[in-house]
N, C-alpha and C. Protein backbone atom coordinates (compact mmCIF):
# COMPACT_ATOMS: atom_id res chain seq x y z
N UNK A 1 78.64 42.03 -24.07
CA UNK A 1 77.69 42.67 -23.02
C UNK A 1 78.53 42.25 -21.44
N UNK A 2 78.92 43.25 -20.73
CA UNK A 2 79.59 43.28 -19.51
C UNK A 2 78.62 42.62 -18.40
N UNK A 3 79.10 41.58 -17.53
CA UNK A 3 78.12 41.19 -16.68
C UNK A 3 78.68 41.64 -15.39
N UNK A 4 77.87 42.26 -14.74
CA UNK A 4 78.13 42.71 -13.34
C UNK A 4 77.56 42.00 -12.33
N UNK A 5 78.28 42.28 -11.17
CA UNK A 5 77.74 41.40 -9.97
C UNK A 5 76.16 41.65 -9.69
N UNK A 6 75.61 42.83 -9.60
CA UNK A 6 74.41 43.26 -9.54
C UNK A 6 73.57 42.47 -10.23
N UNK A 7 73.87 42.73 -11.64
CA UNK A 7 72.71 42.03 -12.78
C UNK A 7 72.67 40.58 -12.44
N UNK A 8 73.84 39.78 -12.46
CA UNK A 8 74.03 38.47 -12.43
C UNK A 8 73.28 38.01 -11.06
N UNK A 9 73.61 38.60 -9.91
CA UNK A 9 72.99 38.19 -8.71
C UNK A 9 71.56 38.45 -8.90
N UNK A 10 71.12 39.47 -9.28
CA UNK A 10 69.51 39.62 -9.31
C UNK A 10 68.85 38.81 -10.09
N UNK A 11 69.34 38.39 -11.53
CA UNK A 11 68.83 37.49 -12.44
C UNK A 11 68.89 36.09 -11.49
N UNK A 12 70.12 35.62 -10.98
CA UNK A 12 70.08 34.39 -10.41
C UNK A 12 69.33 34.18 -9.30
N UNK A 13 68.85 35.23 -8.39
CA UNK A 13 67.87 35.11 -7.27
C UNK A 13 66.70 35.14 -8.01
N UNK A 14 66.16 35.82 -9.01
CA UNK A 14 64.68 35.93 -9.45
C UNK A 14 64.65 34.57 -10.09
N UNK A 15 65.68 34.03 -10.77
CA UNK A 15 65.40 32.45 -11.42
C UNK A 15 65.35 31.34 -10.34
N UNK A 16 66.00 31.38 -9.43
CA UNK A 16 65.97 30.57 -8.11
C UNK A 16 64.90 30.76 -7.33
N UNK A 17 64.26 32.00 -7.01
CA UNK A 17 62.92 32.25 -6.20
C UNK A 17 61.96 31.57 -7.09
N UNK A 18 61.98 31.96 -8.44
CA UNK A 18 60.80 31.64 -9.07
C UNK A 18 60.56 29.95 -9.19
N UNK A 19 61.94 29.40 -9.35
CA UNK A 19 61.84 27.82 -9.43
C UNK A 19 61.37 27.25 -8.30
N UNK A 20 61.79 27.80 -7.03
CA UNK A 20 61.21 27.26 -5.73
C UNK A 20 59.90 27.37 -5.49
N UNK A 21 59.36 28.75 -5.99
CA UNK A 21 57.77 29.15 -5.88
C UNK A 21 57.04 28.23 -6.60
N UNK A 22 57.31 27.94 -7.88
CA UNK A 22 56.91 26.97 -8.82
C UNK A 22 56.52 25.64 -8.08
N UNK A 23 58.02 25.03 -7.41
CA UNK A 23 57.85 23.92 -7.05
C UNK A 23 56.95 23.84 -5.74
N UNK A 24 56.96 24.70 -5.03
CA UNK A 24 56.07 24.67 -3.76
C UNK A 24 54.57 24.64 -4.24
N UNK A 25 54.42 25.39 -5.35
CA UNK A 25 53.01 25.58 -5.89
C UNK A 25 52.46 24.08 -6.49
N UNK A 26 53.46 23.42 -7.27
CA UNK A 26 53.16 22.25 -7.78
C UNK A 26 52.87 21.16 -6.78
N UNK A 27 53.69 21.21 -5.62
CA UNK A 27 53.51 20.30 -4.52
C UNK A 27 52.11 20.61 -3.63
N UNK A 28 51.79 21.76 -3.57
CA UNK A 28 50.48 22.18 -3.00
C UNK A 28 49.52 21.76 -3.81
N UNK A 29 49.66 21.77 -4.98
CA UNK A 29 48.39 21.58 -5.94
C UNK A 29 48.39 19.91 -5.93
N UNK A 30 49.53 19.16 -5.78
CA UNK A 30 49.24 17.76 -5.81
C UNK A 30 48.67 17.21 -4.52
N UNK A 31 48.92 17.74 -3.38
CA UNK A 31 48.31 17.59 -2.08
C UNK A 31 46.64 18.14 -2.13
N UNK A 32 46.53 18.80 -3.10
CA UNK A 32 45.01 19.64 -3.22
C UNK A 32 45.00 20.76 -2.13
N UNK A 33 45.81 21.29 -2.08
CA UNK A 33 45.95 22.50 -0.95
C UNK A 33 46.61 23.66 -1.79
N UNK A 34 46.17 24.35 -2.54
CA UNK A 34 46.75 25.58 -3.30
C UNK A 34 47.23 26.60 -2.13
N UNK A 35 48.50 26.99 -2.45
CA UNK A 35 49.09 28.15 -1.50
C UNK A 35 49.26 27.84 0.01
N UNK A 36 49.15 26.47 0.34
CA UNK A 36 49.41 25.78 1.77
C UNK A 36 50.64 26.25 2.14
N UNK A 37 51.87 25.83 1.27
CA UNK A 37 53.23 26.34 1.82
C UNK A 37 53.55 27.80 2.06
N UNK A 38 53.10 28.72 1.09
CA UNK A 38 53.31 30.09 1.38
C UNK A 38 52.57 30.62 2.34
N UNK A 39 51.35 30.28 2.76
CA UNK A 39 50.53 30.75 3.73
C UNK A 39 51.38 30.23 4.97
N UNK A 40 51.68 29.03 5.04
CA UNK A 40 52.22 28.63 6.49
C UNK A 40 53.45 29.29 6.78
N UNK A 41 54.32 29.41 5.74
CA UNK A 41 55.72 30.22 5.87
C UNK A 41 55.36 31.51 6.08
N UNK A 42 54.40 32.11 5.60
CA UNK A 42 53.88 33.50 5.67
C UNK A 42 53.57 33.74 7.05
N UNK A 43 52.62 32.78 7.47
CA UNK A 43 52.22 32.98 9.04
C UNK A 43 53.54 33.06 9.80
N UNK A 44 54.29 31.99 9.78
CA UNK A 44 55.49 32.17 10.57
C UNK A 44 56.38 33.12 10.58
N UNK A 45 56.77 33.56 9.45
CA UNK A 45 57.45 34.81 9.14
C UNK A 45 56.89 36.12 9.87
N UNK A 46 55.62 36.32 9.62
CA UNK A 46 54.94 37.52 10.18
C UNK A 46 54.76 37.41 11.51
N UNK A 47 54.59 36.19 12.03
CA UNK A 47 54.53 36.08 13.70
C UNK A 47 55.69 36.47 14.04
N UNK A 48 56.81 36.11 13.42
CA UNK A 48 58.35 36.60 14.03
C UNK A 48 58.51 38.20 13.91
N UNK A 49 58.07 38.50 12.73
CA UNK A 49 58.30 39.97 12.44
C UNK A 49 57.19 41.00 13.12
N UNK A 50 56.08 40.45 13.42
CA UNK A 50 55.23 41.59 13.77
C UNK A 50 53.97 40.82 14.42
N UNK A 51 53.16 41.77 14.98
CA UNK A 51 51.79 41.03 15.30
C UNK A 51 50.86 40.05 14.39
N UNK A 52 50.66 40.31 13.37
CA UNK A 52 49.94 39.58 12.41
C UNK A 52 49.14 38.49 12.57
N UNK A 53 48.57 38.21 13.71
CA UNK A 53 47.79 37.05 14.11
C UNK A 53 46.44 36.76 13.27
N UNK A 54 45.70 37.88 12.68
CA UNK A 54 44.60 37.85 12.08
C UNK A 54 44.70 38.20 10.62
N UNK A 55 45.99 37.88 10.06
CA UNK A 55 46.09 38.29 8.64
C UNK A 55 45.44 37.45 7.61
N UNK A 56 45.03 37.86 6.58
CA UNK A 56 44.33 37.03 5.72
C UNK A 56 45.32 36.10 4.89
N UNK A 57 44.90 35.05 4.05
CA UNK A 57 45.79 34.36 3.43
C UNK A 57 46.46 35.21 2.27
N UNK A 58 45.73 36.14 1.69
CA UNK A 58 46.42 37.04 0.51
C UNK A 58 47.43 37.87 1.42
N UNK A 59 47.39 38.35 2.40
CA UNK A 59 48.40 39.17 3.30
C UNK A 59 49.70 38.17 3.31
N UNK A 60 49.44 36.78 3.89
CA UNK A 60 50.41 36.06 4.25
C UNK A 60 51.35 35.63 3.02
N UNK A 61 50.44 35.27 2.08
CA UNK A 61 51.20 34.88 0.72
C UNK A 61 52.08 35.92 0.04
N UNK A 62 51.60 37.17 0.05
CA UNK A 62 52.31 38.47 -0.39
C UNK A 62 53.52 38.69 0.27
N UNK A 63 53.10 38.85 1.79
CA UNK A 63 54.44 39.03 2.61
C UNK A 63 55.46 37.97 2.51
N UNK A 64 55.23 36.73 2.46
CA UNK A 64 56.07 35.71 2.12
C UNK A 64 56.69 35.75 0.92
N UNK A 65 55.98 35.88 0.00
CA UNK A 65 56.70 36.09 -1.36
C UNK A 65 57.71 37.25 -1.58
N UNK A 66 57.39 38.34 -0.91
CA UNK A 66 58.41 39.50 -0.98
C UNK A 66 59.56 39.09 -0.20
N UNK A 67 59.52 38.40 0.97
CA UNK A 67 60.62 38.02 1.58
C UNK A 67 61.42 37.01 0.99
N UNK A 68 60.87 36.10 0.20
CA UNK A 68 61.22 34.91 -0.50
C UNK A 68 62.18 35.65 -1.63
N UNK A 69 61.69 36.47 -2.38
CA UNK A 69 62.16 36.99 -3.33
C UNK A 69 63.51 37.67 -3.02
N UNK A 70 63.27 38.63 -1.86
CA UNK A 70 64.63 39.31 -1.27
C UNK A 70 65.57 38.47 -0.83
N UNK A 71 65.02 37.38 -0.22
CA UNK A 71 66.20 36.33 0.26
C UNK A 71 66.89 35.78 -0.84
N UNK A 72 66.27 35.21 -1.73
CA UNK A 72 66.74 34.63 -3.03
C UNK A 72 67.80 35.68 -3.76
N UNK A 73 67.42 36.81 -3.69
CA UNK A 73 68.29 37.97 -4.49
C UNK A 73 69.60 38.07 -3.70
N UNK A 74 69.47 38.18 -2.49
CA UNK A 74 70.68 38.35 -1.62
C UNK A 74 71.45 37.15 -1.65
N UNK A 75 71.07 36.04 -1.83
CA UNK A 75 71.97 34.89 -2.00
C UNK A 75 72.29 34.92 -3.37
N UNK A 76 71.88 35.28 -4.30
CA UNK A 76 72.07 35.34 -5.58
C UNK A 76 73.37 36.32 -5.70
N UNK A 77 73.10 37.50 -5.18
CA UNK A 77 74.15 38.58 -5.22
C UNK A 77 75.59 37.93 -4.56
N UNK A 78 75.38 37.11 -3.27
CA UNK A 78 76.52 36.71 -2.56
C UNK A 78 77.21 35.53 -3.76
N UNK A 79 76.47 34.76 -4.43
CA UNK A 79 76.86 33.90 -5.23
C UNK A 79 77.71 34.46 -6.40
N UNK A 80 77.13 35.47 -6.99
CA UNK A 80 77.59 36.38 -8.07
C UNK A 80 79.08 36.89 -7.79
N UNK A 81 78.97 37.25 -6.44
CA UNK A 81 80.30 38.20 -5.95
C UNK A 81 81.22 37.00 -5.83
N UNK A 82 80.97 35.68 -5.52
CA UNK A 82 82.00 34.66 -5.29
C UNK A 82 82.36 34.17 -6.84
N UNK A 83 81.57 34.19 -7.66
CA UNK A 83 82.08 33.78 -9.10
C UNK A 83 82.73 34.80 -9.72
N UNK A 84 82.47 36.13 -9.51
CA UNK A 84 83.34 37.10 -9.93
C UNK A 84 84.83 37.22 -9.30
N UNK A 85 84.90 37.10 -7.96
CA UNK A 85 86.13 36.87 -7.36
C UNK A 85 86.97 35.61 -7.80
N UNK A 86 86.18 34.54 -8.08
CA UNK A 86 87.02 33.28 -8.63
C UNK A 86 87.49 33.54 -10.04
N UNK A 87 86.96 34.60 -10.77
CA UNK A 87 87.63 34.63 -12.12
C UNK A 87 89.11 35.42 -11.91
N UNK A 88 89.21 36.02 -10.58
CA UNK A 88 90.67 36.71 -10.35
C UNK A 88 91.54 35.63 -9.45
N UNK A 89 90.81 35.12 -8.52
CA UNK A 89 91.53 34.22 -7.66
C UNK A 89 90.82 32.94 -7.63
N UNK A 90 91.38 31.82 -8.33
CA UNK A 90 90.29 30.64 -8.33
C UNK A 90 90.39 29.76 -7.03
N UNK A 91 91.09 30.17 -6.04
CA UNK A 91 91.10 29.31 -4.85
C UNK A 91 89.89 29.79 -3.91
N UNK A 92 89.34 30.79 -4.34
CA UNK A 92 87.90 31.22 -3.57
C UNK A 92 86.88 30.30 -3.87
N UNK A 93 86.90 29.62 -4.97
CA UNK A 93 85.88 28.51 -5.18
C UNK A 93 86.07 27.43 -4.20
N UNK A 94 87.10 27.04 -3.79
CA UNK A 94 87.50 26.02 -2.74
C UNK A 94 86.63 26.50 -1.48
N UNK A 95 86.98 27.60 -1.08
CA UNK A 95 86.32 28.00 0.26
C UNK A 95 84.69 28.18 0.04
N UNK A 96 84.40 28.57 -1.29
CA UNK A 96 82.66 28.63 -1.34
C UNK A 96 82.36 27.10 -1.46
N UNK A 97 83.13 26.33 -1.71
CA UNK A 97 82.60 24.83 -1.84
C UNK A 97 82.51 24.14 -0.41
N UNK A 98 83.45 24.60 0.38
CA UNK A 98 83.50 24.12 1.73
C UNK A 98 82.38 24.75 2.67
N UNK A 99 81.98 26.08 2.14
CA UNK A 99 81.05 26.71 2.79
C UNK A 99 79.57 26.22 2.44
N UNK A 100 79.48 25.69 1.06
CA UNK A 100 78.33 25.09 0.81
C UNK A 100 78.00 23.81 1.39
N UNK A 101 79.11 23.13 1.40
CA UNK A 101 79.01 21.57 2.05
C UNK A 101 78.59 21.71 3.45
N UNK A 102 79.05 22.60 4.24
CA UNK A 102 78.77 22.97 5.58
C UNK A 102 77.42 23.39 5.87
N UNK A 103 76.91 24.21 5.15
CA UNK A 103 75.49 24.79 5.07
C UNK A 103 74.67 23.74 4.82
N UNK A 104 74.83 22.77 3.82
CA UNK A 104 73.89 21.48 3.44
C UNK A 104 73.92 20.54 4.77
N UNK A 105 75.21 20.45 5.25
CA UNK A 105 75.13 19.49 6.37
C UNK A 105 74.33 20.09 7.57
N UNK A 106 74.23 21.24 7.73
CA UNK A 106 73.50 22.06 8.71
C UNK A 106 71.88 21.86 8.42
N UNK A 107 71.78 22.25 7.06
CA UNK A 107 70.11 22.16 6.81
C UNK A 107 69.81 20.77 7.07
N UNK A 108 70.46 19.49 6.73
CA UNK A 108 69.94 18.46 7.03
C UNK A 108 69.98 17.83 8.59
N UNK A 109 70.79 18.33 9.13
CA UNK A 109 70.95 18.18 10.82
C UNK A 109 69.67 18.87 11.07
N UNK A 110 69.38 20.09 10.81
CA UNK A 110 67.97 20.79 11.49
C UNK A 110 66.94 20.22 10.93
N UNK A 111 66.80 19.59 9.64
CA UNK A 111 65.64 18.82 9.24
C UNK A 111 65.52 17.51 9.93
N UNK A 112 66.39 16.87 10.53
CA UNK A 112 66.40 15.86 11.29
C UNK A 112 65.81 16.06 12.80
N UNK A 113 66.34 17.29 13.36
CA UNK A 113 65.92 17.60 14.39
C UNK A 113 64.39 18.20 14.48
N UNK A 114 64.25 18.87 13.37
CA UNK A 114 62.76 19.35 13.26
C UNK A 114 61.65 18.25 12.89
N UNK A 115 62.17 17.20 12.38
CA UNK A 115 61.41 16.05 12.17
C UNK A 115 60.95 15.21 13.41
N UNK A 116 61.76 15.45 14.51
CA UNK A 116 61.41 14.95 15.64
C UNK A 116 60.48 15.76 16.58
N UNK A 117 60.36 17.15 16.26
CA UNK A 117 59.65 17.85 17.07
C UNK A 117 58.11 17.75 17.03
N UNK A 118 57.26 17.69 18.04
CA UNK A 118 55.82 17.43 17.92
C UNK A 118 55.28 18.80 17.01
N UNK A 119 56.19 20.08 17.46
CA UNK A 119 55.64 21.25 16.71
C UNK A 119 56.00 21.55 15.64
N UNK A 120 57.39 21.50 15.42
CA UNK A 120 57.93 21.79 14.22
C UNK A 120 58.09 20.58 13.23
N UNK A 121 57.52 19.34 13.54
CA UNK A 121 57.56 18.22 12.58
C UNK A 121 57.16 18.31 11.11
N UNK A 122 55.90 19.51 11.02
CA UNK A 122 55.40 19.58 9.72
C UNK A 122 56.35 20.40 8.80
N UNK A 123 57.36 21.29 9.53
CA UNK A 123 58.23 22.04 8.83
C UNK A 123 59.43 21.09 8.09
N UNK A 124 59.71 19.91 8.51
CA UNK A 124 60.75 19.07 7.79
C UNK A 124 60.09 18.33 6.72
N UNK A 125 61.05 18.24 5.85
CA UNK A 125 61.02 17.54 4.75
C UNK A 125 61.06 16.04 4.93
N UNK A 126 61.79 15.74 6.10
CA UNK A 126 61.81 14.26 6.41
C UNK A 126 60.61 13.96 7.26
N UNK A 127 60.11 12.94 7.05
CA UNK A 127 58.85 12.50 7.95
C UNK A 127 59.37 11.56 9.01
N UNK A 128 59.07 11.82 10.28
CA UNK A 128 59.38 10.78 11.24
C UNK A 128 58.72 9.67 11.14
N UNK A 129 59.17 8.63 11.84
CA UNK A 129 58.33 7.37 11.67
C UNK A 129 57.01 7.55 12.60
N UNK A 130 57.18 8.43 13.71
CA UNK A 130 55.91 8.53 14.68
C UNK A 130 55.01 9.49 14.00
N UNK A 131 55.27 10.19 12.89
CA UNK A 131 54.29 11.00 12.28
C UNK A 131 53.54 10.38 10.95
N UNK A 132 54.12 9.42 10.75
CA UNK A 132 53.78 8.74 9.47
C UNK A 132 52.78 7.46 9.94
């Protein structure tokens, strides 16, 4: 069977999005707040994209889930494109590695900044000392 960029990207995106959604769900269950994470992220997403101030929890979860899966599929397509290009030109992987490392450093820096913010502190996975 021939692997296409589209097929590989969509499958990778669906698998990644499902893994993260299950992780969110398990974390919310442990804290005894089912769907807390997608509701919060959905509220933030819909507040940026539209009026959505009085949206129900179901609308927030569904809206965020659609965005979540589309974003992961886009990243999966990008990763599949890199892998397929690297089959012909192996040096592409070096650039992809540098991009990945730079993105991770940016993510950790943003998390550290968010952890210190009184408003955005709950969005960070790093807990600030003043918040604990």
